[in-house]
Structures are given as C-alpha cells and as structure tokens.
C-alpha cells in the first residue's frame, strides 16, 4: 500500500548523478502506465512520450549543442557541456509532449496541466522502481525550431519537459520544503 510517507520521499536526482543501468523495456512501460493515470478531463489523452536512449542520446546532444550555438554563439564551454550532459549522462530520457490541438470543449490549459501531471507521476514511478529521475525544461522546451526540427513536434505540440532516468550515483539530500500552513488560507464569502 502506497503511503503519504512514500510520496514524501520523492526527490529529484540531478541528471549528472544518474548512471546505467536504466529501466529495461518492461520497467519503462510499467512506469509509463503509471504516469498515464492522470486526471484527464474529456478523456483526451493530451500527451505522448518520446524515448531518448542509446545512440540517440549523443545525437540529441549534438543537435542541442548546434542549436544552442546558433542561439547564443558566445556560449562558454561550461554551458555547452552542461547541455550535452543533460542528454548523454542518464541512460534514458523520456520527453513528455503535450498535444494541444483545437478542442471545443476542453481548454488548452487543462490539457497542458494533464501532461504536466504525467511528468510528476513519471518521476514518482521511476523512484518506486528504484531509479532516480529529474524533470528538466530550459530553453529546449520553448525553442520552436529545436522542438519541430530536432524532436519532430507538430506545431500544436509543446514539450512539457524531459525526464532523465537512471541509477542514482549519490544519496540526494533532502531540501527544505514549504510549510503547508503558510500556504493555506480559508475562503470566506464576501
């Protein structure tokens, strides 16, 4: 039985701290099955997955580096290496893509929210399977040229994030979390 304490143990493992082995095909499909159990108003399934593994990791790092240098020619070696590491170090990266085409009933923001929930559940599923994971965005999530030419997204799709998954090489320390009492207010009628 999953407990709130289990959910409270979720931590992001920095991408550069993820190593092989990563999940095998059966484990990945099991994690994606869990990740797909999100609130989905209208049963639209407004998301899809893109696996980046094996040699595709280096190819994507090469493409991302080329695009970064087009965008920011003065990027230093550290910036380039950090970007490359994002794709080359973890044994598996899963891109979560929101499908946001026209819909007369369900607003785009609700469909994007569904896809964002997929990212969180995928993080939790990876941890439940004994892996570390990290959800990343940054400029690659918003650069239409990179998204369409490199990742093959359609004009009505948006990258919600990439989820790096692998075996943690370090114990990730807990970080300070917000106090829910400071975030909670009671609504009262006017």
N, C-alpha and C. Protein backbone atom coordinates (compact mmCIF):
# COMPACT_ATOMS: atom_id res chain seq x y z
N UNK A 1 0.85 -1.18 0.00
CA UNK A 1 0.00 0.00 0.00
C UNK A 1 0.90 1.24 0.00
N UNK A 2 0.65 2.11 -0.95
CA UNK A 2 1.39 3.37 -1.02
C UNK A 2 0.93 4.29 0.10
N UNK A 3 1.88 4.89 0.78
CA UNK A 3 1.55 5.78 1.88
C UNK A 3 1.97 7.21 1.54
N UNK A 4 1.46 8.15 2.30
CA UNK A 4 1.89 9.53 2.14
C UNK A 4 3.38 9.68 2.42
N UNK A 5 3.90 8.87 3.34
CA UNK A 5 5.35 8.90 3.60
C UNK A 5 6.12 8.49 2.35
N UNK A 6 5.61 7.50 1.60
CA UNK A 6 6.27 7.11 0.35
C UNK A 6 6.30 8.28 -0.62
N UNK A 7 5.19 8.98 -0.75
CA UNK A 7 5.13 10.13 -1.64
C UNK A 7 6.06 11.25 -1.17
N UNK A 8 6.17 11.40 0.15
CA UNK A 8 7.04 12.44 0.71
C UNK A 8 8.52 12.18 0.46
N UNK A 9 8.88 10.96 0.13
CA UNK A 9 10.29 10.62 -0.10
C UNK A 9 10.75 10.95 -1.53
N UNK A 10 9.86 11.44 -2.37
CA UNK A 10 10.25 11.75 -3.74
C UNK A 10 11.28 12.88 -3.76
N UNK A 11 12.37 12.64 -4.45
CA UNK A 11 13.44 13.63 -4.61
C UNK A 11 13.88 13.64 -6.06
N UNK A 12 14.34 14.75 -6.53
CA UNK A 12 14.94 14.82 -7.85
C UNK A 12 16.42 14.49 -7.74
N UNK A 13 16.87 13.57 -8.57
CA UNK A 13 18.29 13.24 -8.64
C UNK A 13 18.89 14.02 -9.80
N UNK A 14 19.90 14.86 -9.55
CA UNK A 14 20.49 15.63 -10.65
C UNK A 14 20.91 14.72 -11.80
N UNK A 15 20.66 15.17 -13.01
CA UNK A 15 20.92 14.38 -14.20
C UNK A 15 22.35 13.84 -14.24
N UNK A 16 23.32 14.67 -13.87
CA UNK A 16 24.71 14.23 -13.93
C UNK A 16 25.03 13.18 -12.86
N UNK A 17 24.08 12.89 -11.98
CA UNK A 17 24.24 11.88 -10.94
C UNK A 17 23.47 10.60 -11.27
N UNK A 18 23.04 10.46 -12.53
CA UNK A 18 22.30 9.27 -12.97
C UNK A 18 23.20 8.44 -13.88
N UNK A 19 23.24 7.15 -13.63
CA UNK A 19 24.11 6.26 -14.40
C UNK A 19 23.33 5.02 -14.83
N UNK A 20 23.97 4.21 -15.65
CA UNK A 20 23.40 2.92 -16.02
C UNK A 20 23.51 2.00 -14.79
N UNK A 21 22.61 1.08 -14.66
CA UNK A 21 21.58 0.76 -15.63
C UNK A 21 20.35 1.65 -15.47
N UNK A 22 19.66 1.79 -16.57
CA UNK A 22 18.35 2.43 -16.57
C UNK A 22 17.29 1.36 -16.66
N UNK A 23 16.05 1.76 -16.72
CA UNK A 23 14.98 0.76 -16.80
C UNK A 23 15.02 0.02 -18.13
N UNK A 24 14.67 -1.27 -18.07
CA UNK A 24 14.53 -2.04 -19.30
C UNK A 24 13.16 -1.74 -19.91
N UNK A 25 12.88 -2.34 -21.03
CA UNK A 25 11.62 -2.08 -21.75
C UNK A 25 10.40 -2.33 -20.88
N UNK A 26 10.37 -3.46 -20.18
CA UNK A 26 9.21 -3.79 -19.34
C UNK A 26 9.04 -2.79 -18.20
N UNK A 27 10.16 -2.41 -17.57
CA UNK A 27 10.07 -1.43 -16.49
C UNK A 27 9.61 -0.08 -17.01
N UNK A 28 10.14 0.34 -18.16
CA UNK A 28 9.73 1.62 -18.72
C UNK A 28 8.23 1.62 -19.02
N UNK A 29 7.76 0.58 -19.68
CA UNK A 29 6.32 0.52 -19.99
C UNK A 29 5.47 0.50 -18.73
N UNK A 30 5.95 -0.16 -17.69
CA UNK A 30 5.22 -0.17 -16.42
C UNK A 30 5.17 1.23 -15.83
N UNK A 31 6.30 1.95 -15.87
CA UNK A 31 6.34 3.31 -15.34
C UNK A 31 5.43 4.23 -16.16
N UNK A 32 5.44 4.06 -17.47
CA UNK A 32 4.58 4.91 -18.32
C UNK A 32 3.10 4.61 -18.08
N UNK A 33 2.80 3.35 -17.78
CA UNK A 33 1.40 3.01 -17.45
C UNK A 33 0.94 3.78 -16.21
N UNK A 34 1.82 3.85 -15.22
CA UNK A 34 1.50 4.63 -14.02
C UNK A 34 1.40 6.12 -14.35
N UNK A 35 2.36 6.62 -15.13
CA UNK A 35 2.38 8.04 -15.47
C UNK A 35 1.13 8.47 -16.23
N UNK A 36 0.54 7.56 -16.97
CA UNK A 36 -0.64 7.89 -17.77
C UNK A 36 -1.93 7.93 -16.95
N UNK A 37 -1.87 7.59 -15.68
CA UNK A 37 -3.06 7.59 -14.82
C UNK A 37 -3.26 8.97 -14.19
N UNK A 38 -3.49 9.94 -15.04
CA UNK A 38 -3.62 11.32 -14.61
C UNK A 38 -5.06 11.79 -14.79
N UNK A 39 -5.46 12.85 -14.08
CA UNK A 39 -6.75 13.46 -14.37
C UNK A 39 -6.75 13.92 -15.83
N UNK A 40 -7.79 13.58 -16.55
CA UNK A 40 -7.84 13.87 -17.99
C UNK A 40 -9.27 14.23 -18.37
N UNK A 41 -9.62 15.49 -18.16
CA UNK A 41 -10.96 15.99 -18.46
C UNK A 41 -11.29 15.73 -19.93
N UNK A 42 -12.37 15.04 -20.17
CA UNK A 42 -12.79 14.73 -21.52
C UNK A 42 -12.10 13.53 -22.13
N UNK A 43 -11.25 12.85 -21.37
CA UNK A 43 -10.53 11.66 -21.85
C UNK A 43 -9.83 11.94 -23.17
N UNK A 44 -9.10 13.04 -23.25
CA UNK A 44 -8.43 13.44 -24.48
C UNK A 44 -7.06 12.80 -24.67
N UNK A 45 -6.45 12.30 -23.60
CA UNK A 45 -5.07 11.80 -23.63
C UNK A 45 -4.20 12.82 -24.36
N UNK A 46 -4.08 14.03 -23.79
CA UNK A 46 -3.38 15.12 -24.47
C UNK A 46 -1.86 15.09 -24.25
N UNK A 47 -1.26 13.92 -24.38
CA UNK A 47 0.18 13.80 -24.18
C UNK A 47 0.67 12.57 -24.94
N UNK A 48 1.97 12.58 -25.17
CA UNK A 48 2.65 11.41 -25.73
C UNK A 48 4.07 11.41 -25.20
N UNK A 49 4.77 10.30 -25.43
CA UNK A 49 6.13 10.13 -24.93
C UNK A 49 7.10 9.97 -26.09
N UNK A 50 8.33 10.43 -25.88
CA UNK A 50 9.40 10.25 -26.85
C UNK A 50 10.60 9.72 -26.07
N UNK A 51 11.04 8.51 -26.40
CA UNK A 51 12.17 7.89 -25.70
C UNK A 51 13.49 8.32 -26.36
N UNK A 52 14.46 8.71 -25.53
CA UNK A 52 15.79 9.05 -26.00
C UNK A 52 16.75 8.13 -25.25
N UNK A 53 17.29 7.15 -25.97
CA UNK A 53 18.15 6.14 -25.36
C UNK A 53 19.21 5.72 -26.36
N UNK A 54 20.22 5.02 -25.87
CA UNK A 54 21.26 4.51 -26.75
C UNK A 54 21.97 5.63 -27.50
N UNK A 55 22.24 5.38 -28.77
CA UNK A 55 22.97 6.35 -29.60
C UNK A 55 22.18 7.64 -29.81
N UNK A 56 20.87 7.59 -29.65
CA UNK A 56 20.04 8.80 -29.80
C UNK A 56 20.43 9.86 -28.78
N UNK A 57 20.97 9.46 -27.65
CA UNK A 57 21.38 10.43 -26.62
C UNK A 57 22.45 11.36 -27.15
N UNK A 58 23.49 10.80 -27.77
CA UNK A 58 24.57 11.62 -28.30
C UNK A 58 24.09 12.45 -29.49
N UNK A 59 23.26 11.86 -30.33
CA UNK A 59 22.73 12.60 -31.48
C UNK A 59 21.91 13.80 -31.03
N UNK A 60 21.11 13.62 -29.97
CA UNK A 60 20.31 14.74 -29.46
C UNK A 60 21.22 15.78 -28.82
N UNK A 61 22.23 15.35 -28.10
CA UNK A 61 23.18 16.29 -27.50
C UNK A 61 23.88 17.10 -28.59
N UNK A 62 24.25 16.46 -29.69
CA UNK A 62 24.88 17.17 -30.81
C UNK A 62 23.94 18.22 -31.39
N UNK A 63 22.69 17.82 -31.61
CA UNK A 63 21.70 18.74 -32.18
C UNK A 63 21.41 19.90 -31.22
N UNK A 64 21.31 19.60 -29.93
CA UNK A 64 21.05 20.65 -28.94
C UNK A 64 22.23 21.62 -28.87
N UNK A 65 23.43 21.09 -28.92
CA UNK A 65 24.62 21.96 -28.90
C UNK A 65 24.63 22.87 -30.13
N UNK A 66 24.36 22.31 -31.30
CA UNK A 66 24.34 23.13 -32.53
C UNK A 66 23.31 24.23 -32.42
N UNK A 67 22.12 23.90 -31.90
CA UNK A 67 21.07 24.92 -31.77
C UNK A 67 21.45 25.97 -30.73
N UNK A 68 22.05 25.54 -29.62
CA UNK A 68 22.50 26.50 -28.60
C UNK A 68 23.48 27.49 -29.20
N UNK A 69 24.43 27.01 -29.99
CA UNK A 69 25.44 27.90 -30.56
C UNK A 69 24.85 28.81 -31.64
N UNK A 70 23.75 28.40 -32.28
CA UNK A 70 23.03 29.31 -33.18
C UNK A 70 22.37 30.42 -32.36
N UNK A 71 21.74 30.02 -31.26
CA UNK A 71 21.03 30.97 -30.40
C UNK A 71 21.98 31.90 -29.67
N UNK A 72 23.04 31.34 -29.13
CA UNK A 72 23.97 32.06 -28.27
C UNK A 72 25.40 31.70 -28.66
N UNK A 73 25.93 32.31 -29.72
CA UNK A 73 27.26 31.94 -30.22
C UNK A 73 28.38 32.08 -29.19
N UNK A 74 28.21 32.92 -28.22
CA UNK A 74 29.27 33.14 -27.22
C UNK A 74 29.15 32.19 -26.02
N UNK A 75 28.32 31.16 -26.13
CA UNK A 75 28.16 30.22 -25.01
C UNK A 75 29.50 29.60 -24.64
N UNK A 76 29.79 29.62 -23.38
CA UNK A 76 31.04 29.07 -22.90
C UNK A 76 31.04 27.56 -22.87
N UNK A 77 32.23 27.01 -22.69
CA UNK A 77 32.40 25.56 -22.67
C UNK A 77 31.55 24.90 -21.57
N UNK A 78 31.46 25.56 -20.41
CA UNK A 78 30.67 25.01 -19.30
C UNK A 78 29.20 24.91 -19.63
N UNK A 79 28.67 25.92 -20.30
CA UNK A 79 27.25 25.92 -20.69
C UNK A 79 26.99 24.80 -21.69
N UNK A 80 27.89 24.67 -22.66
CA UNK A 80 27.74 23.63 -23.68
C UNK A 80 27.81 22.25 -23.03
N UNK A 81 28.78 22.05 -22.15
CA UNK A 81 28.94 20.74 -21.52
C UNK A 81 27.75 20.40 -20.64
N UNK A 82 27.20 21.37 -19.93
CA UNK A 82 26.02 21.13 -19.09
C UNK A 82 24.85 20.69 -19.97
N UNK A 83 24.67 21.33 -21.10
CA UNK A 83 23.59 20.95 -22.02
C UNK A 83 23.82 19.53 -22.55
N UNK A 84 25.02 19.23 -22.97
CA UNK A 84 25.31 17.89 -23.52
C UNK A 84 25.09 16.82 -22.45
N UNK A 85 25.55 17.09 -21.23
CA UNK A 85 25.41 16.15 -20.12
C UNK A 85 23.95 15.81 -19.86
N UNK A 86 23.09 16.77 -20.06
CA UNK A 86 21.65 16.57 -19.85
C UNK A 86 21.15 15.37 -20.64
N UNK A 87 21.71 15.15 -21.83
CA UNK A 87 21.23 14.06 -22.69
C UNK A 87 22.17 12.86 -22.73
N UNK A 88 23.46 13.05 -22.47
CA UNK A 88 24.40 11.94 -22.63
C UNK A 88 24.65 11.13 -21.37
N UNK A 89 24.48 11.73 -20.20
CA UNK A 89 24.80 11.02 -18.97
C UNK A 89 23.70 10.03 -18.55
N UNK A 90 22.44 10.44 -18.43
CA UNK A 90 21.44 9.46 -18.00
C UNK A 90 21.24 8.39 -19.07
N UNK A 91 21.04 7.16 -18.67
CA UNK A 91 20.84 6.10 -19.67
C UNK A 91 19.52 6.22 -20.43
N UNK A 92 18.58 6.95 -19.87
CA UNK A 92 17.28 7.11 -20.52
C UNK A 92 16.73 8.50 -20.24
N UNK A 93 16.19 9.11 -21.26
CA UNK A 93 15.43 10.35 -21.11
C UNK A 93 14.10 10.14 -21.81
N UNK A 94 13.03 10.55 -21.16
CA UNK A 94 11.70 10.49 -21.76
C UNK A 94 11.19 11.91 -21.89
N UNK A 95 10.91 12.31 -23.12
CA UNK A 95 10.29 13.62 -23.35
C UNK A 95 8.78 13.44 -23.23
N UNK A 96 8.17 14.30 -22.43
CA UNK A 96 6.71 14.30 -22.28
C UNK A 96 6.19 15.46 -23.10
N UNK A 97 5.35 15.15 -24.07
CA UNK A 97 4.88 16.12 -25.04
C UNK A 97 3.38 16.31 -24.90
N UNK A 98 2.97 17.56 -24.73
CA UNK A 98 1.54 17.89 -24.64
C UNK A 98 1.00 18.06 -26.05
N UNK A 99 -0.15 17.43 -26.31
CA UNK A 99 -0.83 17.58 -27.60
C UNK A 99 -1.98 18.57 -27.39
N UNK A 100 -1.85 19.74 -28.03
CA UNK A 100 -2.73 20.86 -27.70
C UNK A 100 -3.55 21.37 -28.88
N UNK A 101 -3.85 20.52 -29.83
CA UNK A 101 -4.63 20.95 -30.99
C UNK A 101 -5.99 21.50 -30.59
N UNK A 102 -6.75 21.95 -31.59
CA UNK A 102 -8.07 22.54 -31.31
C UNK A 102 -8.98 21.58 -30.55
N UNK A 103 -9.73 22.12 -29.63
CA UNK A 103 -10.68 21.34 -28.86
C UNK A 103 -11.78 22.29 -28.40
N UNK A 104 -12.98 22.04 -28.81
CA UNK A 104 -14.10 22.94 -28.50
C UNK A 104 -14.55 22.87 -27.05
N UNK A 105 -14.22 21.78 -26.36
CA UNK A 105 -14.74 21.60 -25.00
C UNK A 105 -13.70 21.74 -23.90
N UNK A 106 -12.50 21.27 -24.13
CA UNK A 106 -11.51 21.24 -23.06
C UNK A 106 -10.44 22.29 -23.35
N UNK A 107 -10.30 23.30 -22.48
CA UNK A 107 -9.31 24.36 -22.71
C UNK A 107 -7.88 23.81 -22.79
N UNK A 108 -7.06 24.49 -23.56
CA UNK A 108 -5.66 24.10 -23.72
C UNK A 108 -4.95 24.02 -22.38
N UNK A 109 -5.24 24.95 -21.49
CA UNK A 109 -4.55 24.96 -20.19
C UNK A 109 -4.85 23.69 -19.40
N UNK A 110 -6.05 23.16 -19.50
CA UNK A 110 -6.38 21.92 -18.79
C UNK A 110 -5.64 20.74 -19.39
N UNK A 111 -5.52 20.72 -20.71
CA UNK A 111 -4.82 19.63 -21.38
C UNK A 111 -3.32 19.69 -21.08
N UNK A 112 -2.75 20.90 -21.03
CA UNK A 112 -1.35 21.03 -20.66
C UNK A 112 -1.14 20.59 -19.20
N UNK A 113 -2.08 20.94 -18.35
CA UNK A 113 -1.98 20.52 -16.94
C UNK A 113 -1.98 19.00 -16.82
N UNK A 114 -2.77 18.35 -17.62
CA UNK A 114 -2.78 16.88 -17.62
C UNK A 114 -1.39 16.36 -17.97
N UNK A 115 -0.79 16.91 -19.02
CA UNK A 115 0.54 16.46 -19.42
C UNK A 115 1.58 16.76 -18.34
N UNK A 116 1.44 17.87 -17.64
CA UNK A 116 2.37 18.18 -16.55
C UNK A 116 2.22 17.17 -15.42
N UNK A 117 1.00 16.74 -15.16
CA UNK A 117 0.78 15.71 -14.14
C UNK A 117 1.48 14.41 -14.53
N UNK A 118 1.53 14.12 -15.82
CA UNK A 118 2.24 12.94 -16.31
C UNK A 118 3.71 13.00 -15.88
N UNK A 119 4.31 14.17 -15.99
CA UNK A 119 5.72 14.31 -15.60
C UNK A 119 5.92 13.97 -14.13
N UNK A 120 5.07 14.48 -13.28
CA UNK A 120 5.22 14.20 -11.85
C UNK A 120 5.02 12.72 -11.57
N UNK A 121 4.01 12.11 -12.17
CA UNK A 121 3.80 10.69 -11.92
C UNK A 121 4.94 9.85 -12.47
N UNK A 122 5.54 10.27 -13.57
CA UNK A 122 6.68 9.53 -14.09
C UNK A 122 7.88 9.62 -13.13
N UNK A 123 8.09 10.78 -12.53
CA UNK A 123 9.13 10.90 -11.51
C UNK A 123 8.87 9.94 -10.36
N UNK A 124 7.63 9.90 -9.90
CA UNK A 124 7.30 9.02 -8.77
C UNK A 124 7.39 7.55 -9.16
N UNK A 125 6.97 7.22 -10.39
CA UNK A 125 7.06 5.84 -10.85
C UNK A 125 8.51 5.39 -10.95
N UNK A 126 9.38 6.26 -11.46
CA UNK A 126 10.80 5.91 -11.56
C UNK A 126 11.37 5.64 -10.17
N UNK A 127 11.04 6.49 -9.22
CA UNK A 127 11.56 6.29 -7.87
C UNK A 127 10.99 5.01 -7.26
N UNK A 128 9.73 4.71 -7.52
CA UNK A 128 9.12 3.49 -7.00
C UNK A 128 9.81 2.24 -7.56
N UNK A 129 10.37 2.36 -8.76
CA UNK A 129 11.09 1.24 -9.39
C UNK A 129 12.56 1.20 -8.99
N UNK A 130 12.97 2.12 -8.10
CA UNK A 130 14.34 2.11 -7.61
C UNK A 130 15.31 2.99 -8.39
N UNK A 131 14.78 3.84 -9.28
CA UNK A 131 15.62 4.72 -10.08
C UNK A 131 15.55 6.15 -9.55
N UNK A 132 16.51 6.93 -9.95
CA UNK A 132 16.46 8.36 -9.72
C UNK A 132 15.95 9.02 -10.99
N UNK A 133 15.43 10.23 -10.86
CA UNK A 133 14.91 10.93 -12.03
C UNK A 133 14.92 12.43 -11.78
N UNK A 134 14.93 13.17 -12.89
CA UNK A 134 14.86 14.63 -12.82
C UNK A 134 14.06 15.14 -14.00
N UNK A 135 13.18 16.11 -13.73
CA UNK A 135 12.35 16.77 -14.74
C UNK A 135 13.05 18.07 -15.12
N UNK A 136 13.36 18.23 -16.40
CA UNK A 136 14.06 19.42 -16.88
C UNK A 136 13.27 20.11 -17.99
N UNK A 137 13.42 21.44 -18.04
CA UNK A 137 12.83 22.22 -19.13
C UNK A 137 13.95 23.06 -19.74
N UNK A 138 14.01 24.35 -19.43
CA UNK A 138 15.02 25.23 -20.01
C UNK A 138 14.66 25.58 -21.44
N UNK A 139 15.59 26.26 -22.12
CA UNK A 139 15.27 26.74 -23.46
C UNK A 139 14.85 25.63 -24.42
N UNK A 140 15.37 24.38 -24.30
CA UNK A 140 14.92 23.36 -25.25
C UNK A 140 13.41 23.10 -25.21
N UNK A 141 12.78 23.42 -24.11
CA UNK A 141 11.32 23.20 -24.01
C UNK A 141 10.51 24.27 -24.73
N UNK A 142 11.16 25.38 -25.11
CA UNK A 142 10.41 26.51 -25.66
C UNK A 142 10.90 26.95 -27.04
N UNK A 143 11.99 26.44 -27.50
CA UNK A 143 12.56 26.83 -28.79
C UNK A 143 11.86 26.05 -29.91
N UNK A 144 10.98 26.74 -30.64
CA UNK A 144 10.16 26.06 -31.65
C UNK A 144 11.01 25.39 -32.72
N UNK A 145 12.10 26.02 -33.12
CA UNK A 145 12.97 25.39 -34.12
C UNK A 145 13.53 24.07 -33.62
N UNK A 146 14.01 24.05 -32.39
CA UNK A 146 14.55 22.83 -31.81
C UNK A 146 13.45 21.78 -31.67
N UNK A 147 12.29 22.21 -31.18
CA UNK A 147 11.20 21.27 -30.95
C UNK A 147 10.70 20.64 -32.25
N UNK A 148 10.53 21.46 -33.28
CA UNK A 148 9.96 20.95 -34.51
C UNK A 148 11.00 20.26 -35.39
N UNK A 149 12.16 20.90 -35.60
CA UNK A 149 13.16 20.31 -36.50
C UNK A 149 13.91 19.14 -35.86
N UNK A 150 14.22 19.26 -34.59
CA UNK A 150 15.03 18.22 -33.95
C UNK A 150 14.18 17.12 -33.33
N UNK A 151 13.20 17.49 -32.52
CA UNK A 151 12.39 16.48 -31.85
C UNK A 151 11.17 16.03 -32.66
N UNK A 152 10.85 16.76 -33.72
CA UNK A 152 9.74 16.34 -34.57
C UNK A 152 8.37 16.67 -34.02
N UNK A 153 8.27 17.66 -33.13
CA UNK A 153 6.96 18.03 -32.61
C UNK A 153 6.15 18.75 -33.68
N UNK A 154 4.85 18.54 -33.64
CA UNK A 154 3.93 19.26 -34.52
C UNK A 154 3.74 20.67 -33.98
N UNK A 155 3.20 21.56 -34.82
CA UNK A 155 3.02 22.95 -34.40
C UNK A 155 2.06 23.07 -33.22
N UNK A 156 1.18 22.10 -33.03
CA UNK A 156 0.23 22.17 -31.92
C UNK A 156 0.67 21.33 -30.72
N UNK A 157 1.97 21.00 -30.66
CA UNK A 157 2.50 20.25 -29.53
C UNK A 157 3.50 21.11 -28.76
N UNK A 158 3.66 20.80 -27.48
CA UNK A 158 4.60 21.53 -26.62
C UNK A 158 5.34 20.53 -25.75
N UNK A 159 6.64 20.71 -25.64
CA UNK A 159 7.41 19.88 -24.72
C UNK A 159 7.14 20.34 -23.30
N UNK A 160 6.64 19.44 -22.48
CA UNK A 160 6.38 19.77 -21.07
C UNK A 160 7.67 19.63 -20.28
N UNK A 161 8.51 18.72 -20.71
CA UNK A 161 9.79 18.54 -20.06
C UNK A 161 10.40 17.22 -20.46
N UNK A 162 11.68 17.10 -20.14
CA UNK A 162 12.36 15.82 -20.32
C UNK A 162 12.60 15.23 -18.94
N UNK A 163 12.35 13.94 -18.84
CA UNK A 163 12.54 13.24 -17.58
C UNK A 163 13.74 12.32 -17.75
N UNK A 164 14.84 12.68 -17.08
CA UNK A 164 16.05 11.86 -17.10
C UNK A 164 15.90 10.78 -16.04
N UNK A 165 16.21 9.53 -16.42
CA UNK A 165 16.01 8.39 -15.52
C UNK A 165 17.26 7.51 -15.53
N UNK A 166 17.70 7.10 -14.35
CA UNK A 166 18.83 6.19 -14.24
C UNK A 166 19.05 5.77 -12.80
N UNK A 167 20.15 5.11 -12.58
CA UNK A 167 20.50 4.67 -11.24
C UNK A 167 21.27 5.80 -10.55
N UNK A 168 20.79 6.24 -9.38
CA UNK A 168 21.48 7.33 -8.68
C UNK A 168 22.89 6.90 -8.26
N UNK A 169 23.85 7.80 -8.45
CA UNK A 169 25.22 7.52 -8.03
C UNK A 169 25.54 8.16 -6.68
N UNK A 170 24.61 8.92 -6.15
CA UNK A 170 24.77 9.57 -4.84
C UNK A 170 23.44 9.52 -4.09
N UNK A 171 23.52 9.67 -2.78
CA UNK A 171 22.31 9.86 -2.00
C UNK A 171 21.96 11.34 -2.07
N UNK A 172 20.77 11.63 -2.58
CA UNK A 172 20.35 13.02 -2.73
C UNK A 172 19.86 13.53 -1.38
N UNK A 173 20.42 14.65 -0.91
CA UNK A 173 19.97 15.18 0.38
C UNK A 173 18.57 15.78 0.26
N UNK A 174 17.86 15.70 1.33
CA UNK A 174 16.54 16.35 1.39
C UNK A 174 16.77 17.86 1.37
N UNK A 175 15.84 18.58 0.78
CA UNK A 175 15.93 20.03 0.77
C UNK A 175 14.77 20.59 1.59
N UNK A 176 14.86 21.86 1.92
CA UNK A 176 13.77 22.49 2.66
C UNK A 176 12.51 22.47 1.80
N UNK A 177 11.41 22.18 2.43
CA UNK A 177 10.11 22.15 1.77
C UNK A 177 9.22 23.21 2.41
N UNK A 178 8.28 23.75 1.65
CA UNK A 178 7.40 24.78 2.22
C UNK A 178 6.50 24.20 3.32
N UNK A 179 6.17 25.05 4.26
CA UNK A 179 5.25 24.68 5.33
C UNK A 179 3.83 24.85 4.80
N UNK A 180 3.06 23.78 4.71
CA UNK A 180 1.71 23.90 4.17
C UNK A 180 0.82 24.89 4.93
N UNK A 181 1.10 25.06 6.23
CA UNK A 181 0.30 26.02 7.00
C UNK A 181 0.48 27.44 6.47
N UNK A 182 1.67 27.75 5.99
CA UNK A 182 1.94 29.09 5.45
C UNK A 182 1.29 29.29 4.08
N UNK A 183 0.92 28.21 3.43
CA UNK A 183 0.33 28.29 2.09
C UNK A 183 -1.20 28.20 2.11
N UNK A 184 -1.76 27.81 3.24
CA UNK A 184 -3.19 27.56 3.33
C UNK A 184 -3.94 28.78 3.87
N UNK A 185 -5.01 29.11 3.18
CA UNK A 185 -5.93 30.17 3.65
C UNK A 185 -7.34 29.62 3.54
N UNK A 186 -8.22 30.14 4.35
CA UNK A 186 -9.64 29.77 4.26
C UNK A 186 -10.38 30.77 3.44
N UNK A 187 -11.16 30.30 2.51
CA UNK A 187 -12.02 31.19 1.73
C UNK A 187 -13.25 31.51 2.58
N UNK A 188 -13.60 32.78 2.56
CA UNK A 188 -14.83 33.19 3.22
C UNK A 188 -15.64 34.01 2.23
N UNK A 189 -16.93 33.86 2.24
CA UNK A 189 -17.74 34.62 1.31
C UNK A 189 -17.66 36.13 1.59
N UNK A 190 -17.81 36.90 0.56
CA UNK A 190 -17.72 38.36 0.70
C UNK A 190 -18.92 38.92 1.42
